[in-house]
Amino acid sequence: MSRRPRRTAAYLISTFAVAALTATACGGTTEKPSDQPQGQSCTPGEVSNVPDPKPLDVNPAADQALGAKVPANIKSKGTLTVATDASYAPNEYMVEGTGEIIGMDIDIMRAVAKTLGLQVKFENAKFDGILAGVQAGRYDLAISSFTDTKEREQVVDFVTYFNAGTGLMVRKCNPKGIKTIEDLCGKSVGAQQGVIQIDQLTKEDAEDSVVKKCKDAGKPPPNAQGYPQQTDVNNALQANRLDAYLADGPVVDFALKKTGAAFERVGSDIGAAPYGIPIPKTSGTLKEAVNGAIQKMITDGSYRKILDNWGTTSGAVTESKINGAK
């Protein structure tokens, strides 16, 4: 989780045609017949034409007490400069052909800014460079499905606002017969660069480490493949360059909704952890201002309305914390 990427109304199918999607849905896979689990039957699905949700503006009133906690340099310019990697639907992604960034995180941050009496300017950035940019002061803060971890808290402060676990995606009909995380041992598994899942696939000491599970089982580790954006990960799985991928639960669910003919989900999420908004440690009481704005949204119900709109209510929290890593 992190984090972790994510284009077009059906962003996952932006680079391959409907015919290609249907071809891979059993019978059209490039797997050798021997790769298909014996006795497994699978009916090809159809590409979904379900439209994406529209952005939701809950339009909160400015809170003077919380606004007073905003540092003077930000208050004087009147705008929060916010970094995001707009490739992680439904959390943050770009509408193809428009340059508009939308998603759950985007709606939450717009509401936070309004609560603090500010405008907001989003800057699309590569995920693995955002925290360094926040730390260096290039951005006032960021929102991009970052998992709040103790390690990251050494670099920036976090304000938590959501919980997400790791989901497992395979190609339609599951040609490799992957049923559990342990079945990833020795397989080619993808994730976005810089996210928690890439640590799980490469580091034995990472929380919910796949490497450790494989070692304990006497099996080889997965062949981890990192990609710049989640859209790249989805395309690699579709093109049969991966056996599976790991990503945040909401992202896996959205991908399945949009391209059910190409992919299928395996099992339930593992390792739920909080998303956090990274804020520079030099920003004084900005973290308290953002924390207060999130908590106000939770209390007045506008937070839940945003999650309902994007179909992500399973990750709802009842309390926003500062540096709430588990």
C-alpha atoms as a PDB file:
ATOM      1  CA  MET A   1       0.000   0.000   0.000  1.00  0.00           C
ATOM      2  CA  SER A   2       1.154   3.497  -0.546  1.00  0.00           C
ATOM      3  CA  ARG A   3       0.650   4.046  -2.435  1.00  0.00           C
ATOM      4  CA  ARG A   4       0.555   3.334  -4.325  1.00  0.00           C
ATOM      5  CA  PRO A   5      -0.945   4.338  -9.395  1.00  0.00           C
ATOM      6  CA  ARG A   6      -3.204   4.717 -11.710  1.00  0.00           C
ATOM      7  CA  ARG A   7      -5.961   6.826 -16.849  1.00  0.00           C
ATOM      8  CA  THR A   8      -8.925   7.644 -18.985  1.00  0.00           C
ATOM      9  CA  ALA A   9     -12.400   6.826 -17.925  1.00  0.00           C
ATOM     10  CA  ALA A  10     -11.276   3.261 -18.256  1.00  0.00           C
ATOM     11  CA  TYR A  11      -7.692   4.038 -17.521  1.00  0.00           C
ATOM     12  CA  LEU A  12      -6.536   0.459 -17.355  1.00  0.00           C
ATOM     13  CA  ILE A  13      -7.480  -0.242 -20.963  1.00  0.00           C
ATOM     14  CA  SER A  14      -5.976   2.905 -22.395  1.00  0.00           C
ATOM     15  CA  THR A  15      -3.205   1.091 -24.209  1.00  0.00           C
ATOM     16  CA  PHE A  16      -4.891  -2.016 -25.507  1.00  0.00           C
ATOM     17  CA  ALA A  17      -8.036  -2.634 -27.503  1.00  0.00           C
ATOM     18  CA  VAL A  18     -11.219  -4.347 -26.397  1.00  0.00           C
ATOM     19  CA  ALA A  19     -10.371  -7.243 -28.653  1.00  0.00           C
ATOM     20  CA  ALA A  20      -7.136  -7.793 -26.793  1.00  0.00           C
ATOM     21  CA  LEU A  21      -8.961  -7.807 -23.488  1.00  0.00           C
ATOM     22  CA  THR A  22     -11.420 -10.436 -24.609  1.00  0.00           C
ATOM     23  CA  ALA A  23      -8.698 -12.541 -26.152  1.00  0.00           C
ATOM     24  CA  THR A  24      -6.883 -12.945 -22.892  1.00  0.00           C
ATOM     25  CA  ALA A  25     -10.022 -13.953 -21.047  1.00  0.00           C
ATOM     26  CA  CYS A  26      -9.311 -17.661 -21.510  1.00  0.00           C
ATOM     27  CA  GLY A  27      -8.592 -19.298 -24.778  1.00  0.00           C
ATOM     28  CA  GLY A  28      -6.747 -16.198 -25.980  1.00  0.00           C
ATOM     29  CA  THR A  29      -4.043 -16.274 -23.323  1.00  0.00           C
ATOM     30  CA  THR A  30      -0.453 -16.640 -24.387  1.00  0.00           C
ATOM     31  CA  GLU A  31       0.100 -19.231 -21.657  1.00  0.00           C
ATOM     32  CA  LYS A  32       0.949 -22.706 -22.897  1.00  0.00           C
ATOM     33  CA  PRO A  33      -1.891 -25.201 -22.311  1.00  0.00           C
ATOM     34  CA  SER A  34       0.242 -26.875 -19.658  1.00  0.00           C
ATOM     35  CA  ASP A  35       0.225 -23.639 -17.646  1.00  0.00           C
ATOM     36  CA  GLN A  36      -3.533 -23.770 -17.212  1.00  0.00           C
ATOM     37  CA  PRO A  37      -4.509 -25.593 -13.978  1.00  0.00           C
ATOM     38  CA  GLN A  38      -6.031 -28.958 -14.763  1.00  0.00           C
ATOM     39  CA  GLY A  39      -9.812 -29.007 -14.668  1.00  0.00           C
ATOM     40  CA  GLN A  40     -10.203 -25.233 -14.451  1.00  0.00           C
ATOM     41  CA  SER A  41     -12.979 -23.782 -16.566  1.00  0.00           C
ATOM     42  CA  CYS A  42     -13.467 -20.117 -17.202  1.00  0.00           C
ATOM     43  CA  THR A  43     -15.993 -18.109 -19.138  1.00  0.00           C
ATOM     44  CA  PRO A  44     -14.681 -14.953 -20.769  1.00  0.00           C
ATOM     45  CA  GLY A  45     -16.201 -11.781 -19.416  1.00  0.00           C
ATOM     46  CA  GLU A  46     -17.110  -8.604 -21.216  1.00  0.00           C
ATOM     47  CA  VAL A  47     -15.340  -5.293 -20.873  1.00  0.00           C
ATOM     48  CA  SER A  48     -17.278  -3.047 -18.527  1.00  0.00           C
ATOM     49  CA  ASN A  49     -18.691   0.206 -19.816  1.00  0.00           C
ATOM     50  CA  VAL A  50     -19.517   1.445 -16.330  1.00  0.00           C
ATOM     51  CA  PRO A  51     -18.633   5.154 -16.220  1.00  0.00           C
ATOM     52  CA  ASP A  52     -16.236   6.472 -13.613  1.00  0.00           C
ATOM     53  CA  PRO A  53     -17.671   8.451 -10.703  1.00  0.00           C
ATOM     54  CA  LYS A  54     -17.761  12.212 -11.093  1.00  0.00           C
ATOM     55  CA  PRO A  55     -15.774  14.408  -8.676  1.00  0.00           C
ATOM     56  CA  LEU A  56     -17.757  15.312  -5.577  1.00  0.00           C
ATOM     57  CA  ASP A  57     -17.484  18.785  -4.067  1.00  0.00           C
ATOM     58  CA  VAL A  58     -18.836  18.674  -0.508  1.00  0.00           C
ATOM     59  CA  ASN A  59     -18.163  22.438  -0.296  1.00  0.00           C
ATOM     60  CA  PRO A  60     -17.434  22.858   3.434  1.00  0.00           C
ATOM     61  CA  ALA A  61     -17.442  26.268   5.079  1.00  0.00           C
ATOM     62  CA  ALA A  62     -14.100  27.740   6.134  1.00  0.00           C
ATOM     63  CA  ASP A  63     -13.212  27.135   9.786  1.00  0.00           C
ATOM     64  CA  GLN A  64     -11.454  30.207  11.191  1.00  0.00           C
ATOM     65  CA  ALA A  65      -9.936  28.378  14.162  1.00  0.00           C
ATOM     66  CA  LEU A  66      -8.363  25.744  11.941  1.00  0.00           C
ATOM     67  CA  GLY A  67      -7.356  28.332   9.368  1.00  0.00           C
ATOM     68  CA  ALA A  68      -5.425  30.174  12.077  1.00  0.00           C
ATOM     69  CA  LYS A  69      -3.128  27.136  12.330  1.00  0.00           C
ATOM     70  CA  VAL A  70      -2.015  27.488   8.702  1.00  0.00           C
ATOM     71  CA  PRO A  71       1.556  28.884   8.462  1.00  0.00           C
ATOM     72  CA  ALA A  72       1.784  32.517   7.389  1.00  0.00           C
ATOM     73  CA  ASN A  73       3.714  31.770   4.177  1.00  0.00           C
ATOM     74  CA  ILE A  74       0.918  29.509   2.936  1.00  0.00           C
ATOM     75  CA  LYS A  75      -1.864  31.781   4.156  1.00  0.00           C
ATOM     76  CA  SER A  76      -0.333  34.770   2.369  1.00  0.00           C
ATOM     77  CA  LYS A  77      -0.349  33.029  -1.025  1.00  0.00           C
ATOM     78  CA  GLY A  78      -3.802  31.563  -0.339  1.00  0.00           C
ATOM     79  CA  THR A  79      -3.087  28.248  -2.053  1.00  0.00           C
ATOM     80  CA  LEU A  80      -1.899  24.813  -0.988  1.00  0.00           C
ATOM     81  CA  THR A  81       0.527  23.297  -3.485  1.00  0.00           C
ATOM     82  CA  VAL A  82      -0.148  19.571  -3.364  1.00  0.00           C
ATOM     83  CA  ALA A  83       1.823  16.780  -5.064  1.00  0.00           C
ATOM     84  CA  THR A  84       0.103  13.636  -6.302  1.00  0.00           C
ATOM     85  CA  ASP A  85       0.891  10.753  -8.658  1.00  0.00           C
ATOM     86  CA  ALA A  86      -2.243  10.877 -10.804  1.00  0.00           C
ATOM     87  CA  SER A  87      -2.157   7.278 -12.005  1.00  0.00           C
ATOM     88  CA  TYR A  88      -3.767   5.340  -9.125  1.00  0.00           C
ATOM     89  CA  ALA A  89      -7.506   5.110  -9.784  1.00  0.00           C
ATOM     90  CA  PRO A  90      -9.828   5.513  -8.012  1.00  0.00           C
ATOM     91  CA  ASN A  91      -7.684   7.397  -5.487  1.00  0.00           C
ATOM     92  CA  GLU A  92      -6.002   9.850  -7.844  1.00  0.00           C
ATOM     93  CA  TYR A  93      -5.829   9.723 -11.626  1.00  0.00           C
ATOM     94  CA  MET A  94      -6.009  11.845 -14.735  1.00  0.00           C
ATOM     95  CA  VAL A  95      -8.906  12.059 -17.171  1.00  0.00           C
ATOM     96  CA  GLU A  96      -7.370  11.367 -20.556  1.00  0.00           C
ATOM     97  CA  GLY A  97      -7.357  14.272 -22.949  1.00  0.00           C
ATOM     98  CA  THR A  98      -8.289  16.862 -20.347  1.00  0.00           C
ATOM     99  CA  GLY A  99      -5.396  17.036 -17.898  1.00  0.00           C
ATOM    100  CA  GLU A 100      -7.963  17.023 -15.078  1.00  0.00           C
ATOM    101  CA  ILE A 101      -6.893  15.136 -11.960  1.00  0.00           C
ATOM    102  CA  ILE A 102      -9.745  13.435 -10.122  1.00  0.00           C
ATOM    103  CA  GLY A 103     -10.282  10.777  -7.445  1.00  0.00           C
ATOM    104  CA  MET A 104     -11.082  10.104  -3.822  1.00  0.00           C
ATOM    105  CA  ASP A 105      -7.895  11.722  -2.520  1.00  0.00           C
ATOM    106  CA  ILE A 106      -8.411  14.761  -4.732  1.00  0.00           C
ATOM    107  CA  ASP A 107     -11.925  15.375  -3.395  1.00  0.00           C
ATOM    108  CA  ILE A 108     -10.697  14.943   0.175  1.00  0.00           C
ATOM    109  CA  MET A 109      -7.888  17.460  -0.324  1.00  0.00           C
ATOM    110  CA  ARG A 110     -10.167  20.013  -1.989  1.00  0.00           C
ATOM    111  CA  ALA A 111     -12.440  19.809   1.047  1.00  0.00           C
ATOM    112  CA  VAL A 112      -9.471  20.143   3.429  1.00  0.00           C
ATOM    113  CA  ALA A 113      -8.273  23.261   1.598  1.00  0.00           C
ATOM    114  CA  LYS A 114     -11.725  24.869   1.688  1.00  0.00           C
ATOM    115  CA  THR A 115     -12.054  24.113   5.402  1.00  0.00           C
ATOM    116  CA  LEU A 116      -8.770  25.953   5.942  1.00  0.00           C
ATOM    117  CA  GLY A 117      -9.893  28.876   3.785  1.00  0.00           C
ATOM    118  CA  LEU A 118      -7.462  28.047   0.959  1.00  0.00           C
ATOM    119  CA  GLN A 119      -7.414  27.183  -2.724  1.00  0.00           C
ATOM    120  CA  VAL A 120      -5.546  24.087  -3.885  1.00  0.00           C
ATOM    121  CA  LYS A 121      -3.158  23.479  -6.772  1.00  0.00           C
ATOM    122  CA  PHE A 122      -2.315  19.881  -7.660  1.00  0.00           C
ATOM    123  CA  GLU A 123       1.014  19.004  -9.254  1.00  0.00           C
ATOM    124  CA  ASN A 124       1.336  15.631 -10.960  1.00  0.00           C
ATOM    125  CA  ALA A 125       4.615  14.008  -9.878  1.00  0.00           C
ATOM    126  CA  LYS A 126       6.320  10.618  -9.901  1.00  0.00           C
ATOM    127  CA  PHE A 127       5.379   8.728  -6.780  1.00  0.00           C
ATOM    128  CA  ASP A 128       8.885   7.744  -5.718  1.00  0.00           C
ATOM    129  CA  GLY A 129      10.038  11.384  -5.725  1.00  0.00           C
ATOM    130  CA  ILE A 130       7.128  12.974  -3.866  1.00  0.00           C
ATOM    131  CA  LEU A 131       8.322  12.518  -0.274  1.00  0.00           C
ATOM    132  CA  ALA A 132      11.694  14.057  -1.112  1.00  0.00           C
ATOM    133  CA  GLY A 133       9.852  16.960  -2.719  1.00  0.00           C
ATOM    134  CA  VAL A 134       7.716  17.466   0.376  1.00  0.00           C
ATOM    135  CA  GLN A 135      10.755  17.278   2.631  1.00  0.00           C
ATOM    136  CA  ALA A 136      12.591  19.833   0.472  1.00  0.00           C
ATOM    137  CA  GLY A 137       9.651  22.236   0.538  1.00  0.00           C
ATOM    138  CA  ARG A 138       8.811  22.028  -3.182  1.00  0.00           C
ATOM    139  CA  TYR A 139       5.259  21.099  -2.155  1.00  0.00           C
ATOM    140  CA  ASP A 140       3.272  22.278   0.870  1.00  0.00           C
ATOM    141  CA  LEU A 141       2.097  18.694   1.290  1.00  0.00           C
ATOM    142  CA  ALA A 142       1.011  15.700  -0.778  1.00  0.00           C
ATOM    143  CA  ILE A 143      -1.846  13.264  -1.101  1.00  0.00           C
ATOM    144  CA  SER A 144      -1.172  10.126  -3.111  1.00  0.00           C
ATOM    145  CA  SER A 145      -2.260   7.001  -1.211  1.00  0.00           C
ATOM    146  CA  PHE A 146       0.874   7.032   0.936  1.00  0.00           C
ATOM    147  CA  THR A 147       0.955   4.406   3.641  1.00  0.00           C
ATOM    148  CA  ASP A 148       1.996   5.996   6.931  1.00  0.00           C
ATOM    149  CA  THR A 149       5.005   4.017   8.188  1.00  0.00           C
ATOM    150  CA  LYS A 150       7.473   4.555  11.027  1.00  0.00           C
ATOM    151  CA  GLU A 151      10.283   4.759   8.477  1.00  0.00           C
ATOM    152  CA  ARG A 152       8.560   7.475   6.462  1.00  0.00           C
ATOM    153  CA  GLU A 153       7.721   9.378   9.641  1.00  0.00           C
ATOM    154  CA  GLN A 154      11.452   9.974  10.048  1.00  0.00           C
ATOM    155  CA  VAL A 155      11.324  12.145   6.918  1.00  0.00           C
ATOM    156  CA  VAL A 156       7.906  13.846   7.027  1.00  0.00           C
ATOM    157  CA  ASP A 157       4.865  14.055   9.286  1.00  0.00           C
ATOM    158  CA  PHE A 158       1.626  12.321   8.344  1.00  0.00           C
ATOM    159  CA  VAL A 159      -2.050  13.000   8.901  1.00  0.00           C
ATOM    160  CA  THR A 160      -4.026   9.770   8.480  1.00  0.00           C
ATOM    161  CA  TYR A 161      -7.364   9.571   6.659  1.00  0.00           C
ATOM    162  CA  PHE A 162      -7.988   6.037   5.326  1.00  0.00           C
ATOM    163  CA  ASN A 163      -7.098   2.366   5.779  1.00  0.00           C
ATOM    164  CA  ALA A 164      -6.057   0.055   2.943  1.00  0.00           C
ATOM    165  CA  GLY A 165      -4.642  -3.427   2.610  1.00  0.00           C
ATOM    166  CA  THR A 166      -2.770  -5.166  -0.191  1.00  0.00           C
ATOM    167  CA  GLY A 167      -4.737  -6.962  -2.902  1.00  0.00           C
ATOM    168  CA  LEU A 168      -3.550  -9.622  -5.351  1.00  0.00           C
ATOM    169  CA  MET A 169      -4.454  -9.530  -9.055  1.00  0.00           C
ATOM    170  CA  VAL A 170      -3.893 -12.168 -11.744  1.00  0.00           C
ATOM    171  CA  ARG A 171      -4.930 -12.587 -15.369  1.00  0.00           C
ATOM    172  CA  LYS A 172      -8.413 -13.824 -16.145  1.00  0.00           C
ATOM    173  CA  CYS A 173      -8.763 -17.573 -15.572  1.00  0.00           C
ATOM    174  CA  ASN A 174      -5.718 -17.494 -13.268  1.00  0.00           C
ATOM    175  CA  PRO A 175      -3.483 -19.520 -15.629  1.00  0.00           C
ATOM    176  CA  LYS A 176      -0.783 -19.976 -12.969  1.00  0.00           C
ATOM    177  CA  GLY A 177      -3.264 -21.252 -10.389  1.00  0.00           C
ATOM    178  CA  ILE A 178      -2.286 -18.625  -7.791  1.00  0.00           C
ATOM    179  CA  LYS A 179      -4.464 -18.947  -4.697  1.00  0.00           C
ATOM    180  CA  THR A 180      -2.407 -17.497  -1.860  1.00  0.00           C
ATOM    181  CA  ILE A 181       0.504 -15.108  -1.292  1.00  0.00           C
ATOM    182  CA  GLU A 182       2.780 -18.142  -0.927  1.00  0.00           C
ATOM    183  CA  ASP A 183       1.939 -19.124  -4.505  1.00  0.00           C
ATOM    184  CA  LEU A 184       3.884 -16.046  -5.633  1.00  0.00           C
ATOM    185  CA  CYS A 185       7.167 -17.719  -4.719  1.00  0.00           C
ATOM    186  CA  GLY A 186       9.278 -18.041  -7.858  1.00  0.00           C
ATOM    187  CA  LYS A 187       6.683 -16.156  -9.932  1.00  0.00           C
ATOM    188  CA  SER A 188       7.088 -12.855 -11.771  1.00  0.00           C
ATOM    189  CA  VAL A 189       5.162 -10.321  -9.671  1.00  0.00           C
ATOM    190  CA  GLY A 190       4.779  -6.606 -10.312  1.00  0.00           C
ATOM    191  CA  ALA A 191       4.164  -3.471  -8.257  1.00  0.00           C
ATOM    192  CA  GLN A 192       4.672   0.255  -8.636  1.00  0.00           C
ATOM    193  CA  GLN A 193       8.097   1.581  -7.731  1.00  0.00           C
ATOM    194  CA  GLY A 194       8.326   3.183  -4.318  1.00  0.00           C
ATOM    195  CA  VAL A 195       5.216   1.581  -2.844  1.00  0.00           C
ATOM    196  CA  ILE A 196       4.874  -0.734   0.124  1.00  0.00           C
ATOM    197  CA  GLN A 197       4.154  -3.703  -2.119  1.00  0.00           C
ATOM    198  CA  ILE A 198       7.545  -3.502  -3.818  1.00  0.00           C
ATOM    199  CA  ASP A 199       9.112  -3.782  -0.355  1.00  0.00           C
ATOM    200  CA  GLN A 200       6.951  -6.817   0.369  1.00  0.00           C
ATOM    201  CA  LEU A 201       8.248  -8.417  -2.821  1.00  0.00           C
ATOM    202  CA  THR A 202      11.932  -7.609  -2.273  1.00  0.00           C
ATOM    203  CA  LYS A 203      12.680  -7.267   1.443  1.00  0.00           C
ATOM    204  CA  GLU A 204      12.639 -10.008   4.029  1.00  0.00           C
ATOM    205  CA  ASP A 205      12.143  -7.554   6.899  1.00  0.00           C
ATOM    206  CA  ALA A 206       9.172  -5.716   5.346  1.00  0.00           C
ATOM    207  CA  GLU A 207       5.802  -6.064   7.040  1.00  0.00           C
ATOM    208  CA  ASP A 208       3.829  -8.889   5.376  1.00  0.00           C
ATOM    209  CA  SER A 209       6.978  -9.773   3.427  1.00  0.00           C
ATOM    210  CA  VAL A 210       6.399 -12.228   0.588  1.00  0.00           C
ATOM    211  CA  VAL A 211      10.145 -12.874   0.544  1.00  0.00           C
ATOM    212  CA  LYS A 212      10.040 -14.112   4.147  1.00  0.00           C
ATOM    213  CA  LYS A 213       6.961 -16.250   3.537  1.00  0.00           C
ATOM    214  CA  CYS A 214       8.744 -17.915   0.641  1.00  0.00           C
ATOM    215  CA  LYS A 215      11.942 -18.408   2.640  1.00  0.00           C
ATOM    216  CA  ASP A 216      10.026 -19.963   5.535  1.00  0.00           C
ATOM    217  CA  ALA A 217       8.349 -22.308   3.077  1.00  0.00           C
ATOM    218  CA  GLY A 218      11.689 -23.282   1.537  1.00  0.00           C
ATOM    219  CA  LYS A 219      10.760 -21.707  -1.788  1.00  0.00           C
ATOM    220  CA  PRO A 220      12.507 -19.129  -4.001  1.00  0.00           C
ATOM    221  CA  PRO A 221      11.474 -15.479  -3.624  1.00  0.00           C
ATOM    222  CA  PRO A 222       9.256 -13.849  -6.228  1.00  0.00           C
ATOM    223  CA  ASN A 223      10.856 -12.245  -9.246  1.00  0.00           C
ATOM    224  CA  ALA A 224       9.826  -8.678  -8.378  1.00  0.00           C
ATOM    225  CA  GLN A 225       9.244  -6.213 -11.215  1.00  0.00           C
ATOM    226  CA  GLY A 226       8.883  -2.504 -10.395  1.00  0.00           C
ATOM    227  CA  TYR A 227       7.172  -0.058 -12.756  1.00  0.00           C
ATOM    228  CA  PRO A 228       6.975   3.755 -12.722  1.00  0.00           C
ATOM    229  CA  GLN A 229       3.160   3.858 -12.611  1.00  0.00           C
ATOM    230  CA  GLN A 230       0.324   1.502 -11.748  1.00  0.00           C
ATOM    231  CA  THR A 231      -0.959   1.818 -15.310  1.00  0.00           C
ATOM    232  CA  ASP A 232       2.354   0.243 -16.396  1.00  0.00           C
ATOM    233  CA  VAL A 233       1.817  -2.603 -13.931  1.00  0.00           C
ATOM    234  CA  ASN A 234      -1.660  -3.290 -15.288  1.00  0.00           C
ATOM    235  CA  ASN A 235      -0.408  -3.225 -18.868  1.00  0.00           C
ATOM    236  CA  ALA A 236       2.422  -5.651 -18.009  1.00  0.00           C
ATOM    237  CA  LEU A 237      -0.003  -8.134 -16.470  1.00  0.00           C
ATOM    238  CA  GLN A 238      -2.327  -7.794 -19.452  1.00  0.00           C
ATOM    239  CA  ALA A 239       0.597  -8.385 -21.844  1.00  0.00           C
ATOM    240  CA  ASN A 240       1.609 -11.584 -19.999  1.00  0.00           C
ATOM    241  CA  ARG A 241       4.900 -10.109 -18.766  1.00  0.00           C
ATOM    242  CA  LEU A 242       3.780 -10.742 -15.189  1.00  0.00           C
ATOM    243  CA  ASP A 243       2.122 -13.650 -13.439  1.00  0.00           C
ATOM    244  CA  ALA A 244       0.454 -11.377 -10.882  1.00  0.00           C
ATOM    245  CA  TYR A 245       0.684  -7.986  -9.213  1.00  0.00           C
ATOM    246  CA  LEU A 246       0.182  -6.484  -5.777  1.00  0.00           C
ATOM    247  CA  ALA A 247      -1.503  -3.114  -5.193  1.00  0.00           C
ATOM    248  CA  ASP A 248      -3.750  -1.393  -2.673  1.00  0.00           C
ATOM    249  CA  GLY A 249      -7.162  -2.994  -2.266  1.00  0.00           C
ATOM    250  CA  PRO A 250      -9.188  -0.052  -3.671  1.00  0.00           C
ATOM    251  CA  VAL A 251      -6.975   0.028  -6.758  1.00  0.00           C
ATOM    252  CA  VAL A 252      -7.348  -3.709  -7.369  1.00  0.00           C
ATOM    253  CA  ASP A 253     -11.131  -3.449  -6.948  1.00  0.00           C
ATOM    254  CA  PHE A 254     -11.349  -0.538  -9.389  1.00  0.00           C
ATOM    255  CA  ALA A 255      -9.208  -2.352 -11.961  1.00  0.00           C
ATOM    256  CA  LEU A 256     -11.432  -5.396 -11.697  1.00  0.00           C
ATOM    257  CA  LYS A 257     -14.553  -3.266 -12.117  1.00  0.00           C
ATOM    258  CA  LYS A 258     -13.184  -1.607 -15.247  1.00  0.00           C
ATOM    259  CA  THR A 259     -11.537  -4.611 -16.927  1.00  0.00           C
ATOM    260  CA  GLY A 260     -13.095  -7.747 -15.534  1.00  0.00           C
ATOM    261  CA  ALA A 261     -12.531  -9.504 -18.868  1.00  0.00           C
ATOM    262  CA  ALA A 262      -8.773  -9.272 -18.426  1.00  0.00           C
ATOM    263  CA  PHE A 263      -8.146  -9.727 -14.702  1.00  0.00           C
ATOM    264  CA  GLU A 264      -9.403 -11.446 -11.595  1.00  0.00           C
ATOM    265  CA  ARG A 265      -8.801 -10.916  -7.897  1.00  0.00           C
ATOM    266  CA  VAL A 266      -7.351 -13.607  -5.644  1.00  0.00           C
ATOM    267  CA  GLY A 267      -8.319 -13.832  -1.969  1.00  0.00           C
ATOM    268  CA  SER A 268      -8.909 -10.906   0.368  1.00  0.00           C
ATOM    269  CA  ASP A 269      -6.686  -7.977   1.337  1.00  0.00           C
ATOM    270  CA  ILE A 270      -3.778  -8.459   3.722  1.00  0.00           C
ATOM    271  CA  GLY A 271      -2.007  -6.064   6.070  1.00  0.00           C
ATOM    272  CA  ALA A 272      -4.405  -3.120   6.393  1.00  0.00           C
ATOM    273  CA  ALA A 273      -2.544   0.087   7.279  1.00  0.00           C
ATOM    274  CA  PRO A 274      -3.340   3.820   7.309  1.00  0.00           C
ATOM    275  CA  TYR A 275      -2.963   6.206   4.412  1.00  0.00           C
ATOM    276  CA  GLY A 276      -1.409   9.500   5.442  1.00  0.00           C
ATOM    277  CA  ILE A 277      -1.007  13.003   4.032  1.00  0.00           C
ATOM    278  CA  PRO A 278       2.759  13.801   4.131  1.00  0.00           C
ATOM    279  CA  ILE A 279       3.608  17.269   5.470  1.00  0.00           C
ATOM    280  CA  PRO A 280       7.070  18.830   5.946  1.00  0.00           C
ATOM    281  CA  LYS A 281       8.370  18.651   9.493  1.00  0.00           C
ATOM    282  CA  THR A 282       9.258  22.335   9.164  1.00  0.00           C
ATOM    283  CA  SER A 283       5.632  23.401   8.585  1.00  0.00           C
ATOM    284  CA  GLY A 284       4.766  24.216  12.173  1.00  0.00           C
ATOM    285  CA  THR A 285       1.079  23.689  12.949  1.00  0.00           C
ATOM    286  CA  LEU A 286       0.034  22.831   9.382  1.00  0.00           C
ATOM    287  CA  LYS A 287      -0.306  19.194  10.389  1.00  0.00           C
ATOM    288  CA  GLU A 288      -2.682  20.153  13.210  1.00  0.00           C
ATOM    289  CA  ALA A 289      -4.726  22.245  10.765  1.00  0.00           C
ATOM    290  CA  VAL A 290      -5.021  19.376   8.266  1.00  0.00           C
ATOM    291  CA  ASN A 291      -5.727  16.866  11.029  1.00  0.00           C
ATOM    292  CA  GLY A 292      -8.516  19.096  12.354  1.00  0.00           C
ATOM    293  CA  ALA A 293     -10.017  19.519   8.890  1.00  0.00           C
ATOM    294  CA  ILE A 294     -10.093  15.763   8.267  1.00  0.00           C
ATOM    295  CA  GLN A 295     -11.630  15.127  11.677  1.00  0.00           C
ATOM    296  CA  LYS A 296     -14.293  17.774  11.049  1.00  0.00           C
ATOM    297  CA  MET A 297     -15.187  16.075   7.754  1.00  0.00           C
ATOM    298  CA  ILE A 298     -15.461  12.720   9.507  1.00  0.00           C
ATOM    299  CA  THR A 299     -17.751  14.205  12.145  1.00  0.00           C
ATOM    300  CA  ASP A 300     -20.048  16.122   9.774  1.00  0.00           C
ATOM    301  CA  GLY A 301     -20.408  13.205   7.336  1.00  0.00           C
ATOM    302  CA  SER A 302     -18.823  14.856   4.278  1.00  0.00           C
ATOM    303  CA  TYR A 303     -15.864  12.462   4.451  1.00  0.00           C
ATOM    304  CA  ARG A 304     -18.201   9.483   4.161  1.00  0.00           C
ATOM    305  CA  LYS A 305     -20.007  11.089   1.206  1.00  0.00           C
ATOM    306  CA  ILE A 306     -16.730  11.307  -0.690  1.00  0.00           C
ATOM    307  CA  LEU A 307     -15.872   7.674   0.001  1.00  0.00           C
ATOM    308  CA  ASP A 308     -19.386   6.579  -0.971  1.00  0.00           C
ATOM    309  CA  ASN A 309     -18.996   8.410  -4.271  1.00  0.00           C
ATOM    310  CA  TRP A 310     -15.792   6.554  -5.136  1.00  0.00           C
ATOM    311  CA  GLY A 311     -16.864   3.151  -3.784  1.00  0.00           C
ATOM    312  CA  THR A 312     -14.136   3.080  -1.124  1.00  0.00           C
ATOM    313  CA  THR A 313     -16.101   3.060   2.117  1.00  0.00           C
ATOM    314  CA  SER A 314     -14.498  -0.203   3.255  1.00  0.00           C
ATOM    315  CA  GLY A 315     -11.408   1.861   4.132  1.00  0.00           C
ATOM    316  CA  ALA A 316     -13.223   4.529   6.140  1.00  0.00           C
ATOM    317  CA  VAL A 317     -11.735   5.603   9.479  1.00  0.00           C
ATOM    318  CA  THR A 318     -13.426   7.228  12.470  1.00  0.00           C
ATOM    319  CA  GLU A 319     -10.406   9.205  13.623  1.00  0.00           C
ATOM    320  CA  SER A 320      -7.618  11.136  11.905  1.00  0.00           C
ATOM    321  CA  LYS A 321      -4.233  10.863  13.623  1.00  0.00           C
ATOM    322  CA  ILE A 322      -0.908  12.647  13.359  1.00  0.00           C
ATOM    323  CA  ASN A 323       1.844  10.102  12.713  1.00  0.00           C
ATOM    324  CA  GLY A 324      -0.425   7.115  13.232  1.00  0.00           C
ATOM    325  CA  ALA A 325       1.785   4.382  11.792  1.00  0.00           C
ATOM    326  CA  LYS A 326       1.165   0.987  13.348  1.00  0.00           C
END
